[in-house]
Amino acid sequence: MVEQARHVPVLLDRVLDLLAPALADRDAVFVDCTLGLGGHSEAVLRAHPRVRLVGLDRDPQAIELSRRRLAPFGDRVRFVQTTYDGIAEAVDGAKVDGILMDLGVSSLQLDAEERGFAYAKDAPLDMRMSAGTGTTAADVLNTYSVDDLTRILRDYGEERFARKIAGAVAREREREPFTTSGRLVELLYDVVPAATRRTGGHPAKRTFQALRIEVNQELESLRLALPAALSVLAVGGRIVVESYQSLEDRMVKRAFTALATSTSPQDLPVELPGHGPQLKLVTRGAEQANEQEIEENPRAASVRLRAAERIREAT
């Protein structure tokens, strides 16, 4: 399919290397929490013929496209339409051997102009990952108070001019409600100072990120998803997370570090039973794409990858 041809999974080789010790040469279960177009999952299934996949995605269109792509693998694949915080229910509480979370908006959603995720084209202000259900970006812009708009632009977009943008949105929507991305982009060009535009990238980038996170409740889903995923990870199993903005990466770092740290009192000469680390950090900090990968796949430019292995069950 055209969508699959243009879809390049981010850091695919590195993801495969990190998951291999948990999946190779065994009857393992791998959960792709953000299935998208199925690129990572297809590579895992080809690399490990005994692995079974549970593929999760909130977007029914992604599920359908992945179903076609992964059809050759037959009953090795099971699809579940859910957000990634539904992982425990999706696997019925069973232990799994590998987990991938490739966070943020998928190639499918970015490339579908009618979904309104990209600011390069004028499109309806939608941004819902579950197409057709829930609050849209237009709803947020047209109904949120100035204080609430300021909060999400500041907290989710890390936008320095959050208050100024929120005030301008409030004034403009009185004249006419926002419906398309082009009008919002024009407003942002007017509000964000030219000096900042020259050094801080496209003036719409941070606002669109903030709206997308709010519409899809991404950070709340991730806050719930990380402990849920770690709770079903078997001893010897590995989890790999690819984040594309600092808020997500900090959440992943905190979740991994908390379980990779002993809970024994620091002044004790020996580890107390049941207090040792539950995870081993497999990556040193957050790994990034190299220049060659970014050149081949520009969407890898902002990726931060972290991986961990479960070494002890929770008590």
Protein backbone atom coordinates (compact mmCIF):
# COMPACT_ATOMS: atom_id res chain seq x y z
CA MET A 1 0.00 0.00 0.00
CA VAL A 2 1.05 3.58 -0.53
CA GLU A 3 0.82 4.33 3.19
CA GLN A 4 3.09 1.41 4.05
CA ALA A 5 5.59 2.28 1.33
CA ARG A 6 6.21 5.74 2.73
CA HIS A 7 6.17 4.62 6.37
CA VAL A 8 9.71 4.31 7.77
CA PRO A 9 9.79 2.94 11.34
CA VAL A 10 11.99 5.08 13.57
CA LEU A 11 15.23 3.47 14.83
CA LEU A 12 14.04 0.09 13.55
CA ASP A 13 17.40 -1.70 13.72
CA ARG A 14 18.08 -0.45 17.23
CA VAL A 15 14.61 -1.47 18.42
CA LEU A 16 15.16 -4.98 17.02
CA ASP A 17 18.58 -5.25 18.69
CA LEU A 18 17.19 -4.18 22.06
CA LEU A 19 14.23 -6.57 21.94
CA ALA A 20 16.13 -9.58 20.57
CA PRO A 21 17.46 -10.95 23.90
CA ALA A 22 13.88 -11.20 25.20
CA LEU A 23 12.29 -12.62 22.03
CA ALA A 24 14.84 -14.78 20.20
CA ASP A 25 14.38 -18.55 19.90
CA ARG A 26 11.39 -18.88 22.20
CA ASP A 27 7.61 -18.85 22.24
CA ALA A 28 7.45 -15.21 23.28
CA VAL A 29 4.68 -12.62 23.38
CA PHE A 30 5.40 -9.14 22.05
CA VAL A 31 3.05 -6.19 22.57
CA ASP A 32 3.23 -3.23 20.21
CA CYS A 33 1.33 -0.60 22.19
CA THR A 34 1.28 1.89 19.31
CA LEU A 35 0.80 -0.30 16.25
CA GLY A 36 0.35 2.47 13.67
CA LEU A 37 1.08 1.09 10.22
CA GLY A 38 2.76 -2.00 11.68
CA GLY A 39 6.32 -1.40 10.52
CA HIS A 40 8.05 -2.27 13.80
CA SER A 41 5.74 -5.23 14.39
CA GLU A 42 6.26 -6.70 10.93
CA ALA A 43 10.03 -6.59 11.44
CA VAL A 44 9.75 -8.30 14.84
CA LEU A 45 7.52 -11.06 13.47
CA ARG A 46 9.91 -11.69 10.56
CA ALA A 47 12.96 -11.73 12.84
CA HIS A 48 11.42 -14.09 15.39
CA PRO A 49 9.22 -16.82 13.85
CA ARG A 50 8.01 -18.10 17.24
CA VAL A 51 6.86 -14.72 18.54
CA ARG A 52 3.16 -13.88 18.85
CA LEU A 53 2.05 -10.24 18.57
CA VAL A 54 -0.63 -8.31 20.41
CA GLY A 55 -1.04 -5.06 18.48
CA LEU A 56 -2.75 -2.10 20.15
CA ASP A 57 -3.93 1.14 18.59
CA ARG A 58 -6.73 3.58 19.37
CA ASP A 59 -7.16 4.44 15.68
CA PRO A 60 -9.46 2.02 13.81
CA GLN A 61 -7.91 3.02 10.49
CA ALA A 62 -4.46 2.01 11.78
CA ILE A 63 -5.84 -1.32 12.96
CA GLU A 64 -7.36 -2.01 9.54
CA LEU A 65 -4.22 -1.11 7.60
CA SER A 66 -2.02 -3.15 9.94
CA ARG A 67 -4.43 -6.07 9.70
CA ARG A 68 -3.81 -6.16 5.94
CA ARG A 69 -0.07 -5.72 6.29
CA LEU A 70 0.31 -8.44 8.91
CA ALA A 71 -2.16 -10.90 7.34
CA PRO A 72 0.68 -13.23 6.19
CA PHE A 73 1.45 -13.96 9.86
CA GLY A 74 -2.00 -15.44 10.42
CA ASP A 75 -2.93 -16.40 13.97
CA ARG A 76 0.39 -15.17 15.36
CA VAL A 77 -1.23 -11.71 15.47
CA ARG A 78 -4.08 -10.36 17.58
CA PHE A 79 -5.39 -6.80 17.29
CA VAL A 80 -6.95 -4.74 20.06
CA GLN A 81 -8.40 -1.26 19.54
CA THR A 82 -7.44 0.57 22.72
CA THR A 83 -5.12 3.23 24.08
CA TYR A 84 -1.77 2.04 25.37
CA ASP A 85 -2.85 2.35 28.98
CA GLY A 86 -5.18 -0.58 28.23
CA ILE A 87 -2.30 -3.02 27.86
CA ALA A 88 -3.05 -5.08 30.98
CA GLU A 89 -6.64 -5.69 29.86
CA ALA A 90 -5.51 -6.39 26.30
CA VAL A 91 -3.28 -9.26 27.45
CA ASP A 92 -5.71 -10.41 30.17
CA GLY A 93 -3.08 -9.76 32.84
CA ALA A 94 -0.70 -12.35 31.36
CA LYS A 95 3.05 -11.78 31.41
CA VAL A 96 4.69 -10.71 28.15
CA ASP A 97 8.27 -10.79 26.92
CA GLY A 98 8.60 -7.62 24.88
CA ILE A 99 6.85 -4.24 24.78
CA LEU A 100 7.25 -1.32 22.38
CA MET A 101 5.77 2.14 22.82
CA ASP A 102 6.42 4.42 19.85
CA LEU A 103 4.75 7.53 21.24
CA GLY A 104 3.24 10.59 19.62
CA VAL A 105 1.39 10.94 16.35
CA SER A 106 1.82 8.22 13.73
CA SER A 107 2.88 8.57 10.10
CA LEU A 108 -0.64 7.60 9.09
CA GLN A 109 -2.14 10.46 11.08
CA LEU A 110 0.47 13.03 10.07
CA ASP A 111 0.06 12.24 6.39
CA ALA A 112 -3.75 12.35 6.44
CA GLU A 113 -4.37 16.05 5.83
CA GLU A 114 -8.03 15.81 6.85
CA ARG A 115 -6.97 14.79 10.39
CA GLY A 116 -5.42 18.22 10.98
CA PHE A 117 -2.22 17.11 12.77
CA ALA A 118 0.20 18.91 10.44
CA TYR A 119 0.46 22.68 10.25
CA ALA A 120 2.03 22.75 6.77
CA LYS A 121 -1.39 22.32 5.08
CA ASP A 122 -4.68 24.06 5.75
CA ALA A 123 -7.01 21.41 7.16
CA PRO A 124 -9.85 20.97 9.67
CA LEU A 125 -8.68 21.44 13.26
CA ASP A 126 -9.40 17.88 14.34
CA MET A 127 -6.28 16.10 15.76
CA ARG A 128 -8.21 13.16 17.23
CA MET A 129 -6.27 9.90 17.13
CA SER A 130 -9.56 8.04 17.55
CA ALA A 131 -11.20 9.52 14.49
CA GLY A 132 -14.77 10.69 14.98
CA THR A 133 -14.98 10.55 18.77
CA GLY A 134 -14.26 13.09 21.47
CA THR A 135 -13.15 16.72 21.63
CA THR A 136 -11.42 18.27 18.61
CA ALA A 137 -8.67 20.88 18.51
CA ALA A 138 -11.28 23.37 17.26
CA ASP A 139 -13.39 22.63 20.35
CA VAL A 140 -10.40 23.41 22.58
CA LEU A 141 -9.62 26.67 20.80
CA ASN A 142 -13.23 27.84 20.72
CA THR A 143 -14.39 26.89 24.22
CA TYR A 144 -11.45 26.85 26.65
CA SER A 145 -10.90 29.87 28.87
CA VAL A 146 -7.82 32.02 28.38
CA ASP A 147 -6.36 30.56 31.57
CA ASP A 148 -6.90 26.98 30.41
CA LEU A 149 -5.52 27.69 26.94
CA THR A 150 -2.49 29.31 28.54
CA ARG A 151 -1.98 26.27 30.77
CA ILE A 152 -2.01 23.71 27.98
CA LEU A 153 0.19 25.81 25.68
CA ARG A 154 2.68 26.37 28.49
CA ASP A 155 2.63 22.86 30.01
CA TYR A 156 2.18 20.70 26.92
CA GLY A 157 3.82 22.87 24.29
CA GLU A 158 6.45 24.54 26.48
CA GLU A 159 5.44 27.72 24.67
CA ARG A 160 7.04 30.93 26.01
CA PHE A 161 4.26 33.08 24.57
CA ALA A 162 1.38 30.94 25.87
CA ARG A 163 -0.55 33.79 27.52
CA LYS A 164 -0.14 36.07 24.50
CA ILE A 165 -1.32 33.36 22.10
CA ALA A 166 -4.29 32.41 24.31
CA GLY A 167 -5.41 36.04 24.46
CA ALA A 168 -5.17 36.41 20.70
CA VAL A 169 -7.15 33.19 20.17
CA ALA A 170 -9.88 34.43 22.52
CA ARG A 171 -10.17 37.72 20.63
CA GLU A 172 -10.23 36.07 17.22
CA ARG A 173 -12.82 33.46 18.11
CA GLU A 174 -15.23 36.21 19.11
CA ARG A 175 -15.06 37.41 15.53
CA GLU A 176 -15.37 33.91 14.07
CA PRO A 177 -14.83 30.42 15.57
CA PHE A 178 -11.70 28.54 14.52
CA THR A 179 -12.32 25.67 12.10
CA THR A 180 -9.12 25.20 10.08
CA SER A 181 -5.40 25.07 10.78
CA GLY A 182 -4.48 27.77 8.26
CA ARG A 183 -6.17 30.53 10.23
CA LEU A 184 -4.48 29.41 13.46
CA VAL A 185 -1.08 29.33 11.76
CA GLU A 186 -1.63 32.89 10.48
CA LEU A 187 -2.45 34.02 14.02
CA LEU A 188 0.70 32.37 15.38
CA TYR A 189 2.86 34.10 12.77
CA ASP A 190 1.38 37.41 13.92
CA VAL A 191 1.76 36.73 17.66
CA VAL A 192 5.14 34.96 17.94
CA PRO A 193 7.95 37.54 17.59
CA ALA A 194 10.03 37.36 14.42
CA ALA A 195 13.27 36.91 16.37
CA THR A 196 11.87 33.79 18.04
CA ARG A 197 10.65 32.44 14.72
CA ARG A 198 14.16 32.70 13.30
CA THR A 199 15.73 30.64 16.08
CA GLY A 200 12.92 28.51 17.55
CA GLY A 201 11.56 26.71 14.51
CA HIS A 202 8.08 27.00 13.06
CA PRO A 203 5.87 29.19 15.28
CA ALA A 204 3.03 26.64 15.12
CA LYS A 205 5.05 23.62 16.24
CA ARG A 206 4.61 24.04 19.99
CA THR A 207 0.95 25.10 19.81
CA PHE A 208 0.00 22.16 17.59
CA GLN A 209 1.83 19.78 19.92
CA ALA A 210 -0.02 21.18 22.92
CA LEU A 211 -3.42 20.92 21.23
CA ARG A 212 -2.76 17.36 20.10
CA ILE A 213 -1.73 16.28 23.59
CA GLU A 214 -4.81 17.90 25.12
CA VAL A 215 -7.23 16.47 22.56
CA ASN A 216 -5.91 12.93 23.00
CA GLN A 217 -5.00 13.15 26.70
CA GLU A 218 -1.62 11.70 25.75
CA LEU A 219 0.28 12.48 28.93
CA GLU A 220 -2.47 11.10 31.15
CA SER A 221 -2.57 7.94 29.03
CA LEU A 222 1.21 7.60 29.29
CA ARG A 223 1.12 8.19 33.05
CA LEU A 224 -1.23 5.23 33.36
CA ALA A 225 0.38 3.14 30.63
CA LEU A 226 3.92 2.97 32.01
CA PRO A 227 3.07 1.20 35.30
CA ALA A 228 0.49 -0.96 33.49
CA ALA A 229 3.08 -2.08 30.93
CA LEU A 230 5.75 -2.73 33.54
CA SER A 231 3.29 -4.77 35.61
CA VAL A 232 2.84 -7.32 32.80
CA LEU A 233 6.52 -7.48 31.75
CA ALA A 234 7.97 -10.89 32.59
CA VAL A 235 11.36 -11.35 34.25
CA GLY A 236 13.86 -11.25 31.39
CA GLY A 237 11.39 -9.25 29.30
CA ARG A 238 12.31 -5.92 27.75
CA ILE A 239 10.44 -2.67 27.17
CA VAL A 240 11.48 -0.07 24.59
CA VAL A 241 9.96 3.42 24.51
CA GLU A 242 10.46 6.02 21.79
CA SER A 243 9.47 9.55 22.82
CA TYR A 244 9.37 12.63 20.63
CA GLN A 245 9.11 15.46 23.14
CA SER A 246 10.71 16.19 26.49
CA LEU A 247 7.55 15.84 28.59
CA GLU A 248 7.10 12.22 27.54
CA ASP A 249 10.78 11.40 27.84
CA ARG A 250 10.93 12.73 31.41
CA MET A 251 7.96 10.56 32.37
CA VAL A 252 9.62 7.47 30.90
CA LYS A 253 12.92 8.28 32.59
CA ARG A 254 11.26 8.67 36.00
CA ALA A 255 9.26 5.43 35.65
CA PHE A 256 12.31 3.39 34.64
CA THR A 257 14.64 4.95 37.20
CA ALA A 258 12.20 4.37 40.06
CA LEU A 259 12.16 0.62 39.43
CA ALA A 260 15.87 0.43 38.64
CA THR A 261 16.74 1.77 42.10
CA SER A 262 17.05 -0.25 45.31
CA THR A 263 14.58 0.61 48.04
CA SER A 264 16.88 -0.64 50.82
CA PRO A 265 18.07 2.04 53.27
CA GLN A 266 21.29 3.50 51.91
CA ASP A 267 23.29 2.91 55.08
CA LEU A 268 22.72 -0.86 55.11
CA PRO A 269 25.73 -2.98 54.03
CA VAL A 270 23.51 -5.60 52.33
CA GLU A 271 20.44 -5.54 50.13
CA LEU A 272 17.23 -6.31 52.00
CA PRO A 273 15.24 -9.20 50.49
CA GLY A 274 12.58 -7.89 48.12
CA HIS A 275 14.09 -4.40 48.00
CA GLY A 276 16.49 -4.79 45.07
CA PRO A 277 15.95 -3.13 41.70
CA GLN A 278 13.16 -4.54 39.56
CA LEU A 279 14.57 -3.18 36.30
CA LYS A 280 17.96 -2.96 34.64
CA LEU A 281 18.43 0.05 32.37
CA VAL A 282 19.57 -1.25 28.99
CA THR A 283 20.31 2.13 27.41
CA ARG A 284 22.59 4.79 28.86
CA GLY A 285 20.29 7.76 29.07
CA ALA A 286 18.14 8.51 26.05
CA GLU A 287 19.47 7.42 22.68
CA GLN A 288 18.98 9.58 19.59
CA ALA A 289 19.01 8.96 15.87
CA ASN A 290 22.26 9.55 14.01
CA GLU A 291 22.63 11.95 11.11
CA GLN A 292 22.20 9.24 8.48
CA GLU A 293 18.90 8.04 9.93
CA ILE A 294 17.59 11.60 10.25
CA GLU A 295 18.51 12.27 6.62
CA GLU A 296 16.67 9.11 5.53
CA ASN A 297 13.75 9.64 7.92
CA PRO A 298 13.31 13.26 9.11
CA ARG A 299 10.70 12.16 11.67
CA ALA A 300 13.52 10.55 13.65
CA ALA A 301 15.08 13.94 14.40
CA SER A 302 13.42 14.38 17.79
CA VAL A 303 13.29 10.77 18.98
CA ARG A 304 14.56 9.81 22.44
CA LEU A 305 14.78 6.06 22.99
CA ARG A 306 15.00 4.32 26.37
CA ALA A 307 14.93 0.60 27.15
CA ALA A 308 14.85 -1.52 30.29
CA GLU A 309 14.77 -5.20 31.26
CA ARG A 310 12.84 -6.69 34.15
CA ILE A 311 15.22 -8.53 36.47
CA ARG A 312 12.93 -9.15 39.45
CA GLU A 313 9.22 -9.48 40.05
CA ALA A 314 7.47 -6.85 42.11
CA THR A 315 6.71 -8.02 45.66
